[in-house]
Amino acid sequence: MAKITIAIPEGTVGLVFSGSSTPVLSRVKEDGPMAGKSVKPGYIVDSLILGNGKTLTGLSKLELITKLKETSGDPNRKIIFEIAYKKGGVEVDIPTGKATNLGLVIAEKKGFPTVTNMSSDCPIKSKISRGMIVGGVSSDTFSMTGYTAEDINAFLNSTSTLTTRKMVFLSPEDPPKEKSIDYEEKVIELPSGRGLGIKLGGSIATVLSVEPSSPLSGLFFPGMAITAVRIADGREFHGLSGSILYKVLQETMYTEGRQLYCPPPGTEVGTDVTLKFFPPTIGQSAEELGCKFESDGEALKLVESYGSAFDVVPKGVIMTAFAFKSAVTADEKVFTPASPEELDAMLLDSSGCARSFIFAGVDSAYMPDEVTVMVPPGKIGAVFKGVPATLVKVKEESPLNQTAAVPGMVVAAVTIDGKTESSPATKALTALLSQNPDAQRSIKFVNPKTF
C-alpha cells in the first residue's frame, strides 16, 4: 500500500478511529482542525511520529488515542497512514475550470500521471487521495486512457467550460495497462503564421506528440489520425503520410483557413493518396484556367500553370477524375478525360458550375530529388525492400518522421562511422544498421526518377 504523512496540530485532533489491533480512520470531524486536510476515512494508521523524532509503530487503537492525548502539547506530531485504495478505481465528476483552478497537481511520477498534491479547497478532495494515478479522462464527446500528465492537463485546460467531464483515479498499485483514445469526428482550423508544435508520423498522418506551448494543445493528442487537410486555396488532400502532411503544413504556414479532419477511431481509411482541387467556376478551357495537361496515353498529367489558381497544384500529378454539378439538376457528373481535347469539352460544359479535379501521384510530386538523413542511435523504424534498398514504409516511432525522406525513395548510400557503401541491397542495409546501432550513421535517399 502507498503511504502518506500528515502533520497534526497540537490539542484535540478531531479524528475518530475504529478497529482494535490496527486503528483505521473512520471519521474526520467537520469542526475539527483536520477538516479539509488530505486525510480520509479508510486510511490505516501505520505509525505516529513525535516532535522529538521518535517513531511509534504497531499501536493499537487504544494506544494511539492515549499517545495523542499525552502529546497534545506537541505541535510537530505526524501520523503516517497507509492508503487502502478502492479496487478498480473511482470515477469522479470534474467541475468546470482549468487544471490550475481545480486545487490538485497532476504530475508524472514513475511513468504515470499522479496526484502529487491537493489544496484544502480542492472540490474533489473527499473522493480521491494524494498518490492516486489518473487512469483516464472523458467528456461527452471524448475519452482517453493511459496518457501522460501533460496530456491530462492539456485536456483539462482545453475543456475548462464543460460540465460533462469525468476522471478515473486508480491505485498506484493498479495503473492503466493500455493506452486508448476515442472521440467523435473533428474538424480543426489551424492558426496561420506560426509553428504548430506537433510531430507527425505514420503512413496515414498520425499525431506523435504535442508540445505544451502548441496552439493545438488540448485539441490534438498522440494517436489521433489526420486523414484530410483542406487549404483555402482550393486544395483538399486525402490519405497523406505524416512526412508529406508536415511538408504541406510548412509550405502553407501563412495561409488562413486551413482545416484538418480527424475521423473517429476505427474508421476505415483508404490507402490512396489523392488531391481534390476546386478550380474557378468560370473558365471554358485549360488555357483559360491557366494550366496545361498532357496525355501519357492512359491519363492526363498536369505539366504547367501560368500564374493561375493551378500554381498551388504540384506539377506531375495525374488526373483520375473530373467532376461538376449540373446547374439544372444539381446532379454530380464524373468523367475521366483521356485527352486535353476531351478535358476542354468538359470544361466548356461545366463553366459556371461547381467542379473539381481528382489527382493521384501526390506523394511522388512531394518527393525531393535528394536528402541525407542523420540516423540517431537505436532502431530506424522503417521498412525497406529491393535492390538497391527502397524505402516502402515509415513507422510512427521512426526518426525518419519530420525529415524529407518519404516512401518510394531509393537508398543511394549509407555511411557508418565514415565508411560509405553505395546502393546497398535491403539485406546489406538492414545488417549495417542493426550491427551498428550506436555508430554515427547517415542515409542518402534519392528520388528514383533521378537515380
Foldseek 3Di string as FASTA:
>chain_A
DDKDKFFAAADDRQWDWDDWQWTFTQDRDCPGPCQLPQDAGGWTWAWKAFPVGDIGGRDTPVRVVVVSVVVSVGGGMMTMTDHDADPPFDKDFQAADAPVPQQWDFAADPRFTFGQGGGSPRPCSHPDHGGWTFQKKDFPFKIKGDDHNLLVRLQRHVCRHGRRMMITTHHPVDHDDDIDIWGAKDKDFDDADDDQQWFWFWQFTFTQQHDSPGPCRNVHHGGFGWAWKDFPLFKIKGRHGRQVVVVVCVVCRHGGGMITITHTPPDDGDNFIKIKGWAALADLACVRQFWDWAAPQAFIFTADGHPHSCPVPQGGWTWPWKWWADPVPRDIDIDGDRGRVSVSNVSNRRRVTTMITMTGPVQLSLQDQKDKDWAAFDDQQFDWAFFLTFTATHDGPGPCGVPRDDGQWGFQWKAWQRDIDGRHHRVVVVCVCVVCRHTGMMTMTGHPVND
